[in-house]
């Protein structure tokens, strides 16, 4: 771990005053009546289990597994009654790339994108995303990608459910990206071909691998790049179940996550981001990244933290 500072932080939904992140000490505030965010744990875990099952063939871009995955995601968006941008949940784009196996392929890939309209500033958008593609198969072996990134994809459904039930001030785009494993292609295509003007995207919140951590640590990357997200969002988060840390921002010139996942596509365009993820584990990009290795309590709490961050960003950008 490279100079990562633990932040024990408090969720205060009634106020949106800016607090400065204190890196030299733990913030020891206490909660008298914290607002608990509930998620449908059974539904979320079931979605993760389905997406990471052998039936989905490792969800490699351009394969039958990817088709099954995007149709599953689209069906979930339909059930949640999410809005559509451009008349469809599916945004197709051409791709040409190779995965970790060195397999070079080309064809069409598909982002799956839904919309929750804001109640006050619906022409401004927070993009909450996670990539759904993984590495596919090699011979008879399936790369299930439970943590990477069925975990983030299934969390999108809980986040969408929360904001359907608790409408945001700004519009929220719920995005499942394709082509991340071959170069962040889906998110890159989106930022270059969105029907929404870039200036109207307030920030990107990205999830990639939030399902397990031996050290019980969830990292947030991106705070040095935007003062509002740093001072008003990150320092308001709270969990008494997992450790929330900032880091991997390249301050030590090592292990920099700034461009490691789809948030990098937004950062290149000058759009603020917060990336939630865990450090690489022994099953990263291996066939052993399976549903049974997910730490369910950690995973569900990580999802609640991301919901907190999204809610807090929505409140603070409205000031």
Protein backbone atom coordinates (compact mmCIF):
# COMPACT_ATOMS: atom_id res chain seq x y z
CA UNK A 1 0.00 0.00 0.00
CA UNK A 2 1.44 3.37 -1.04
CA UNK A 3 0.84 6.21 1.41
CA UNK A 4 -2.89 5.57 1.66
CA UNK A 5 -4.61 7.43 4.46
CA UNK A 6 -7.68 5.98 6.11
CA UNK A 7 -10.71 8.20 6.19
CA UNK A 8 -13.36 7.39 8.74
CA UNK A 9 -16.05 9.75 7.68
CA UNK A 10 -19.58 10.72 8.51
CA UNK A 11 -22.70 10.91 6.39
CA UNK A 12 -24.65 14.10 7.07
CA UNK A 13 -27.46 14.33 4.55
CA UNK A 14 -29.13 17.39 6.08
CA UNK A 15 -26.17 19.67 5.47
CA UNK A 16 -24.06 20.23 2.40
CA UNK A 17 -21.32 22.33 3.95
CA UNK A 18 -17.83 21.71 2.63
CA UNK A 19 -15.36 19.93 4.89
CA UNK A 20 -11.68 19.70 4.18
CA UNK A 21 -10.24 16.20 4.00
CA UNK A 22 -7.69 15.83 6.80
CA UNK A 23 -4.93 13.52 5.64
CA UNK A 24 -2.83 13.68 8.79
CA UNK A 25 -5.37 12.22 11.18
CA UNK A 26 -8.51 10.16 11.45
CA UNK A 27 -11.74 12.10 11.52
CA UNK A 28 -13.29 10.85 14.75
CA UNK A 29 -16.81 12.20 14.43
CA UNK A 30 -19.62 10.09 15.83
CA UNK A 31 -23.07 9.36 14.53
CA UNK A 32 -26.05 10.18 16.72
CA UNK A 33 -28.73 9.26 14.19
CA UNK A 34 -27.17 8.08 10.96
CA UNK A 35 -29.28 7.62 7.86
CA UNK A 36 -28.99 4.00 6.80
CA UNK A 37 -29.20 3.23 3.12
CA UNK A 38 -30.89 -0.07 2.45
CA UNK A 39 -30.36 -2.23 -0.60
CA UNK A 40 -32.17 -5.37 -1.70
CA UNK A 41 -29.33 -7.67 -0.76
CA UNK A 42 -31.02 -10.82 -2.05
CA UNK A 43 -31.69 -9.32 -5.49
CA UNK A 44 -28.23 -7.78 -5.78
CA UNK A 45 -26.41 -10.96 -4.81
CA UNK A 46 -28.58 -12.98 -7.19
CA UNK A 47 -27.73 -10.62 -10.07
CA UNK A 48 -24.02 -10.94 -9.32
CA UNK A 49 -24.36 -14.73 -9.19
CA UNK A 50 -26.15 -14.83 -12.54
CA UNK A 51 -23.74 -12.52 -14.36
CA UNK A 52 -20.70 -14.43 -13.08
CA UNK A 53 -22.12 -17.88 -13.82
CA UNK A 54 -20.67 -20.20 -16.46
CA UNK A 55 -23.81 -19.62 -18.54
CA UNK A 56 -22.59 -16.10 -19.31
CA UNK A 57 -19.31 -17.42 -20.70
CA UNK A 58 -17.08 -14.78 -19.13
CA UNK A 59 -18.90 -11.85 -20.82
CA UNK A 60 -16.17 -11.18 -23.37
CA UNK A 61 -16.88 -8.28 -25.73
CA UNK A 62 -18.37 -9.41 -29.03
CA UNK A 63 -19.36 -12.90 -27.87
CA UNK A 64 -22.56 -14.73 -27.01
CA UNK A 65 -21.74 -14.16 -23.34
CA UNK A 66 -21.68 -10.41 -23.90
CA UNK A 67 -25.03 -10.60 -25.71
CA UNK A 68 -26.59 -12.53 -22.84
CA UNK A 69 -25.17 -10.03 -20.37
CA UNK A 70 -26.38 -6.89 -22.11
CA UNK A 71 -29.84 -8.38 -22.58
CA UNK A 72 -29.97 -9.23 -18.88
CA UNK A 73 -28.92 -5.69 -17.99
CA UNK A 74 -31.46 -4.23 -20.42
CA UNK A 75 -34.21 -6.36 -18.89
CA UNK A 76 -33.26 -5.11 -15.42
CA UNK A 77 -33.36 -1.50 -16.65
CA UNK A 78 -36.79 -2.14 -18.14
CA UNK A 79 -38.06 -3.63 -14.88
CA UNK A 80 -36.73 -0.58 -13.03
CA UNK A 81 -38.49 1.69 -15.55
CA UNK A 82 -35.34 3.65 -16.30
CA UNK A 83 -35.56 6.25 -19.02
CA UNK A 84 -33.77 5.91 -22.35
CA UNK A 85 -31.34 8.21 -24.10
CA UNK A 86 -31.84 8.28 -27.84
CA UNK A 87 -34.76 5.87 -27.73
CA UNK A 88 -32.84 2.76 -26.64
CA UNK A 89 -30.87 1.38 -23.72
CA UNK A 90 -28.22 0.10 -26.12
CA UNK A 91 -25.43 2.21 -27.60
CA UNK A 92 -23.49 0.24 -30.21
CA UNK A 93 -19.94 1.03 -31.24
CA UNK A 94 -17.28 -0.62 -33.40
CA UNK A 95 -14.31 -2.15 -31.66
CA UNK A 96 -10.96 -3.58 -32.58
CA UNK A 97 -8.82 -4.84 -29.75
CA UNK A 98 -7.29 -7.76 -27.90
CA UNK A 99 -7.81 -9.07 -24.38
CA UNK A 100 -5.44 -10.58 -21.81
CA UNK A 101 -5.33 -13.81 -23.82
CA UNK A 102 -3.95 -11.89 -26.80
CA UNK A 103 -7.05 -12.65 -28.85
CA UNK A 104 -7.51 -9.92 -31.47
CA UNK A 105 -11.11 -9.34 -32.48
CA UNK A 106 -13.28 -6.73 -34.10
CA UNK A 107 -17.00 -6.15 -34.45
CA UNK A 108 -19.77 -4.34 -32.60
CA UNK A 109 -19.93 -3.82 -28.85
CA UNK A 110 -22.74 -2.36 -26.77
CA UNK A 111 -23.00 -0.04 -23.80
CA UNK A 112 -26.25 -0.32 -21.83
CA UNK A 113 -27.42 3.08 -20.60
CA UNK A 114 -30.45 4.11 -18.52
CA UNK A 115 -31.66 7.43 -17.14
CA UNK A 116 -33.23 8.74 -13.95
CA UNK A 117 -34.51 12.29 -14.48
CA UNK A 118 -33.63 14.88 -11.87
CA UNK A 119 -36.31 16.87 -10.09
CA UNK A 120 -34.59 20.28 -10.15
CA UNK A 121 -31.72 20.42 -12.65
CA UNK A 122 -32.57 17.65 -15.06
CA UNK A 123 -30.26 19.07 -17.74
CA UNK A 124 -27.20 18.29 -15.59
CA UNK A 125 -26.00 14.72 -15.20
CA UNK A 126 -24.08 12.45 -12.85
CA UNK A 127 -22.87 9.34 -14.68
CA UNK A 128 -22.70 6.24 -12.47
CA UNK A 129 -21.03 3.41 -14.31
CA UNK A 130 -19.41 -0.02 -14.21
CA UNK A 131 -18.08 -2.21 -17.00
CA UNK A 132 -19.83 -5.52 -17.55
CA UNK A 133 -17.37 -7.18 -19.93
CA UNK A 134 -14.67 -9.61 -18.83
CA UNK A 135 -12.21 -12.05 -20.41
CA UNK A 136 -14.48 -14.75 -21.79
CA UNK A 137 -13.21 -18.30 -22.13
CA UNK A 138 -9.99 -20.11 -22.95
CA UNK A 139 -10.60 -23.65 -24.11
CA UNK A 140 -12.93 -25.17 -21.53
CA UNK A 141 -12.00 -22.61 -18.88
CA UNK A 142 -14.41 -19.78 -18.06
CA UNK A 143 -13.16 -16.46 -16.71
CA UNK A 144 -16.25 -15.69 -14.63
CA UNK A 145 -15.15 -12.25 -13.46
CA UNK A 146 -17.27 -12.16 -10.32
CA UNK A 147 -15.38 -9.29 -8.73
CA UNK A 148 -14.13 -7.95 -12.08
CA UNK A 149 -16.72 -6.67 -12.71
CA UNK A 150 -19.98 -8.46 -12.15
CA UNK A 151 -19.78 -6.85 -8.72
CA UNK A 152 -19.95 -3.32 -10.09
CA UNK A 153 -22.57 -4.22 -12.68
CA UNK A 154 -24.98 -5.79 -10.18
CA UNK A 155 -24.48 -2.81 -7.87
CA UNK A 156 -25.82 -0.55 -10.63
CA UNK A 157 -29.25 -2.12 -10.17
CA UNK A 158 -29.31 -1.31 -6.44
CA UNK A 159 -28.13 2.24 -7.11
CA UNK A 160 -30.83 2.72 -9.74
CA UNK A 161 -33.45 1.32 -7.38
CA UNK A 162 -32.41 3.72 -4.63
CA UNK A 163 -32.64 6.80 -6.82
CA UNK A 164 -35.92 5.72 -8.38
CA UNK A 165 -37.31 5.62 -4.85
CA UNK A 166 -35.43 8.77 -3.75
CA UNK A 167 -35.42 11.04 -6.82
CA UNK A 168 -32.22 13.07 -7.28
CA UNK A 169 -31.99 16.79 -7.96
CA UNK A 170 -29.83 16.22 -11.04
CA UNK A 171 -30.37 13.51 -13.61
CA UNK A 172 -28.44 10.30 -13.07
CA UNK A 173 -27.22 8.14 -15.93
CA UNK A 174 -26.79 4.47 -15.07
CA UNK A 175 -24.23 3.03 -17.48
CA UNK A 176 -22.93 -0.52 -17.99
CA UNK A 177 -19.87 -0.22 -20.21
CA UNK A 178 -18.63 -2.75 -22.73
CA UNK A 179 -15.04 -3.09 -23.95
CA UNK A 180 -13.25 -2.01 -20.77
CA UNK A 181 -10.94 -5.00 -20.82
CA UNK A 182 -9.69 -4.10 -24.31
CA UNK A 183 -8.94 -0.45 -23.66
CA UNK A 184 -11.84 1.35 -21.92
CA UNK A 185 -13.55 1.37 -25.30
CA UNK A 186 -17.17 1.67 -24.18
CA UNK A 187 -16.72 4.63 -21.88
CA UNK A 188 -14.35 6.24 -24.35
CA UNK A 189 -16.94 5.95 -27.10
CA UNK A 190 -19.62 7.34 -24.80
CA UNK A 191 -17.74 10.51 -23.87
CA UNK A 192 -16.93 11.14 -27.54
CA UNK A 193 -20.43 10.39 -28.88
CA UNK A 194 -22.84 11.26 -26.09
CA UNK A 195 -26.01 13.15 -26.97
CA UNK A 196 -25.39 15.01 -23.72
CA UNK A 197 -22.95 17.89 -23.89
CA UNK A 198 -19.75 17.24 -21.96
CA UNK A 199 -20.21 20.48 -20.03
CA UNK A 200 -23.47 19.10 -18.63
CA UNK A 201 -21.81 16.01 -17.11
CA UNK A 202 -21.06 16.98 -13.52
CA UNK A 203 -19.00 13.93 -12.62
CA UNK A 204 -18.47 10.23 -13.16
CA UNK A 205 -18.74 7.70 -10.36
CA UNK A 206 -17.13 4.43 -11.38
CA UNK A 207 -17.15 1.00 -9.77
CA UNK A 208 -14.68 -1.69 -10.76
CA UNK A 209 -14.03 -4.57 -8.37
CA UNK A 210 -15.94 -3.77 -5.18
CA UNK A 211 -16.71 -7.32 -4.10
CA UNK A 212 -13.91 -8.44 -1.78
CA UNK A 213 -10.95 -7.30 0.29
CA UNK A 214 -8.90 -9.33 2.76
CA UNK A 215 -8.07 -6.09 4.54
CA UNK A 216 -11.69 -4.90 4.47
CA UNK A 217 -10.62 -1.81 2.51
CA UNK A 218 -12.51 0.12 -0.15
CA UNK A 219 -10.43 2.70 -2.02
CA UNK A 220 -11.54 5.97 -3.56
CA UNK A 221 -9.36 7.39 -6.31
CA UNK A 222 -9.80 10.83 -7.86
CA UNK A 223 -9.97 13.24 -4.92
CA UNK A 224 -6.89 15.35 -5.85
CA UNK A 225 -8.47 16.37 -9.15
CA UNK A 226 -11.60 18.13 -7.85
CA UNK A 227 -11.97 20.20 -4.70
CA UNK A 228 -15.75 19.81 -4.40
CA UNK A 229 -15.63 16.03 -4.59
CA UNK A 230 -12.72 15.98 -2.17
CA UNK A 231 -14.01 18.42 0.43
CA UNK A 232 -17.77 17.90 0.24
CA UNK A 233 -18.37 14.34 -0.93
CA UNK A 234 -15.56 12.05 0.21
CA UNK A 235 -15.30 13.49 3.72
CA UNK A 236 -19.02 12.97 4.29
CA UNK A 237 -19.02 9.23 3.69
CA UNK A 238 -19.53 6.84 6.57
CA UNK A 239 -19.24 3.14 7.27
CA UNK A 240 -18.80 1.28 10.53
CA UNK A 241 -18.34 -1.99 8.64
CA UNK A 242 -15.55 -1.38 6.12
CA UNK A 243 -12.55 0.91 5.92
CA UNK A 244 -12.79 3.74 3.38
CA UNK A 245 -9.46 5.00 2.09
CA UNK A 246 -8.23 7.45 -0.50
CA UNK A 247 -5.18 6.69 -2.59
CA UNK A 248 -3.70 5.32 -5.79
CA UNK A 249 -3.77 8.81 -7.30
CA UNK A 250 -0.15 8.72 -8.42
CA UNK A 251 1.20 10.90 -5.63
CA UNK A 252 4.07 8.46 -5.16
CA UNK A 253 4.44 7.90 -8.93
CA UNK A 254 3.58 4.24 -8.39
CA UNK A 255 0.40 2.17 -8.59
CA UNK A 256 -1.58 5.03 -10.12
CA UNK A 257 -5.22 4.14 -10.81
CA UNK A 258 -6.13 7.41 -12.55
CA UNK A 259 -6.54 5.70 -15.92
CA UNK A 260 -6.98 2.11 -14.75
CA UNK A 261 -10.69 1.82 -15.51
CA UNK A 262 -13.53 3.67 -17.23
CA UNK A 263 -13.23 6.80 -15.11
CA UNK A 264 -10.05 7.47 -17.11
CA UNK A 265 -12.15 8.22 -20.19
CA UNK A 266 -13.96 10.97 -18.30
CA UNK A 267 -10.78 12.32 -16.73
CA UNK A 268 -9.22 12.76 -20.17
CA UNK A 269 -12.11 15.08 -21.01
CA UNK A 270 -11.69 17.10 -17.82
CA UNK A 271 -14.78 15.59 -16.17
CA UNK A 272 -14.39 15.01 -12.41
CA UNK A 273 -14.54 11.42 -11.18
CA UNK A 274 -14.54 9.19 -8.15
CA UNK A 275 -13.44 5.61 -8.63
CA UNK A 276 -14.39 2.96 -6.07
CA UNK A 277 -12.45 -0.30 -6.05
CA UNK A 278 -10.18 -2.67 -4.19
CA UNK A 279 -6.55 -3.56 -4.64
CA UNK A 280 -5.74 -6.48 -6.92
CA UNK A 281 -6.16 -9.88 -5.28
CA UNK A 282 -4.82 -13.33 -6.09
CA UNK A 283 -7.78 -14.12 -8.35
CA UNK A 284 -7.54 -10.99 -10.49
CA UNK A 285 -7.94 -11.96 -14.18
CA UNK A 286 -7.92 -15.65 -13.28
CA UNK A 287 -10.54 -18.37 -13.57
CA UNK A 288 -10.70 -18.37 -9.76
CA UNK A 289 -12.50 -14.99 -9.69
CA UNK A 290 -15.80 -16.70 -8.97
CA UNK A 291 -19.02 -15.94 -7.11
CA UNK A 292 -18.01 -18.07 -4.13
CA UNK A 293 -15.04 -15.74 -3.47
CA UNK A 294 -17.21 -12.64 -3.07
CA UNK A 295 -17.36 -11.30 0.49
CA UNK A 296 -21.05 -10.53 0.50
CA UNK A 297 -21.17 -8.30 3.58
CA UNK A 298 -18.25 -6.22 2.31
CA UNK A 299 -19.78 -6.01 -1.15
CA UNK A 300 -23.18 -4.80 0.02
CA UNK A 301 -21.63 -2.21 2.31
CA UNK A 302 -19.39 -0.97 -0.50
CA UNK A 303 -22.53 -0.48 -2.59
CA UNK A 304 -24.10 1.58 0.19
CA UNK A 305 -20.98 3.76 0.31
CA UNK A 306 -21.23 4.40 -3.44
CA UNK A 307 -24.89 5.34 -3.02
CA UNK A 308 -23.87 7.76 -0.26
CA UNK A 309 -21.28 9.32 -2.55
CA UNK A 310 -23.74 9.70 -5.40
CA UNK A 311 -26.36 11.24 -3.14
CA UNK A 312 -23.83 13.60 -1.62
CA UNK A 313 -22.54 14.68 -5.04
CA UNK A 314 -26.11 15.35 -6.16
CA UNK A 315 -26.71 17.55 -3.13
CA UNK A 316 -23.44 19.46 -3.33
CA UNK A 317 -23.56 20.20 -7.05
CA UNK A 318 -27.00 21.73 -6.44
CA UNK A 319 -25.56 24.49 -4.23
